[in-house]
Amino acid sequence: MNTQGPLLSHYVSIFRMRDMKRSLNFYTNQLGFEVVFKWGGPVDYTMIQRDKIKIHLACNDRTPGMKMTSGRSMFLPTM
């Protein structure tokens, strides 16, 4: 294991949604997540959190040509 280079700092799952309002209602009211931030008007992107788990939700409805896929991102500290 290389411990001298940059270490990964965190991992984010990005879930694509067809209906952001309905999805936020489910994650917050049914699963107990809290909204950390919202972006867009109407909301196109948001981050939710429960305990130490963070999930990003992205709405496909207002992004022409975007395919219905989910994604993941890993972050490195600033070098």
Protein backbone atom coordinates (compact mmCIF):
# COMPACT_ATOMS: atom_id res chain seq x y z
CA MET A 1 0.00 0.00 0.00
CA ASN A 2 1.32 3.46 -0.94
CA THR A 3 1.02 5.73 2.10
CA GLN A 4 3.21 8.53 0.76
CA GLY A 5 0.95 9.80 -2.02
CA PRO A 6 -2.46 11.48 -1.76
CA LEU A 7 -5.08 9.48 0.09
CA LEU A 8 -8.70 9.28 -0.94
CA SER A 9 -10.75 11.54 1.29
CA HIS A 10 -14.33 10.42 0.56
CA TYR A 11 -16.62 8.65 -1.88
CA VAL A 12 -19.94 9.94 -3.22
CA SER A 13 -22.76 8.03 -4.88
CA ILE A 14 -24.84 10.00 -7.37
CA PHE A 15 -28.34 8.67 -7.98
CA ARG A 16 -30.30 9.92 -11.00
CA MET A 17 -33.94 10.79 -10.31
CA ARG A 18 -36.90 11.32 -12.60
CA ASP A 19 -38.89 13.24 -9.97
CA MET A 20 -36.77 15.17 -7.46
CA LYS A 21 -39.67 16.29 -5.26
CA ARG A 22 -40.99 12.73 -4.90
CA SER A 23 -37.48 11.33 -4.33
CA LEU A 24 -36.65 13.89 -1.63
CA ASN A 25 -39.93 13.12 0.10
CA PHE A 26 -39.07 9.40 0.13
CA TYR A 27 -35.48 9.80 1.35
CA THR A 28 -36.33 12.35 4.05
CA ASN A 29 -39.73 11.18 5.31
CA GLN A 30 -39.40 7.42 4.82
CA LEU A 31 -35.67 6.78 5.28
CA GLY A 32 -34.74 9.59 7.68
CA PHE A 33 -32.17 11.46 5.54
CA GLU A 34 -31.67 15.22 5.96
CA VAL A 35 -31.12 17.66 3.11
CA VAL A 36 -27.62 19.17 3.24
CA PHE A 37 -28.00 21.41 0.18
CA LYS A 38 -30.17 21.98 -2.86
CA TRP A 39 -29.15 23.50 -6.18
CA GLY A 40 -31.21 24.88 -9.04
CA GLY A 41 -34.61 26.38 -9.41
CA PRO A 42 -36.49 24.13 -9.63
CA VAL A 43 -34.09 21.85 -7.75
CA ASP A 44 -31.95 19.78 -10.14
CA TYR A 45 -29.30 18.54 -7.71
CA THR A 46 -29.21 17.94 -3.98
CA MET A 47 -27.15 16.22 -1.32
CA ILE A 48 -28.77 14.28 1.52
CA GLN A 49 -27.18 12.76 4.60
CA ARG A 50 -28.01 10.28 7.32
CA ASP A 51 -25.39 9.55 9.96
CA LYS A 52 -22.10 9.43 7.99
CA ILE A 53 -23.68 8.49 4.66
CA LYS A 54 -24.06 11.18 1.99
CA ILE A 55 -25.89 10.65 -1.29
CA HIS A 56 -26.16 13.09 -4.18
CA LEU A 57 -29.41 13.12 -6.16
CA ALA A 58 -29.48 14.51 -9.72
CA CYS A 59 -32.66 15.11 -11.68
CA ASN A 60 -32.72 13.94 -15.31
CA ASP A 61 -35.97 15.64 -16.36
CA ARG A 62 -34.42 19.04 -17.07
CA THR A 63 -31.17 17.86 -18.65
CA PRO A 64 -31.78 17.06 -22.34
CA GLY A 65 -29.95 13.99 -23.58
CA MET A 66 -28.87 12.81 -20.14
CA LYS A 67 -29.16 9.05 -19.81
CA MET A 68 -30.70 7.48 -16.72
CA THR A 69 -27.49 6.24 -15.09
CA SER A 70 -26.02 6.60 -11.64
CA GLY A 71 -22.46 7.55 -10.89
CA ARG A 72 -19.75 7.59 -8.29
CA SER A 73 -16.99 10.07 -7.48
CA MET A 74 -13.86 9.75 -5.36
CA PHE A 75 -12.09 12.78 -3.99
CA LEU A 76 -8.40 13.41 -3.37
CA PRO A 77 -7.04 16.08 -1.04
CA THR A 78 -5.57 19.16 -2.73
CA MET A 79 -2.08 18.43 -3.91
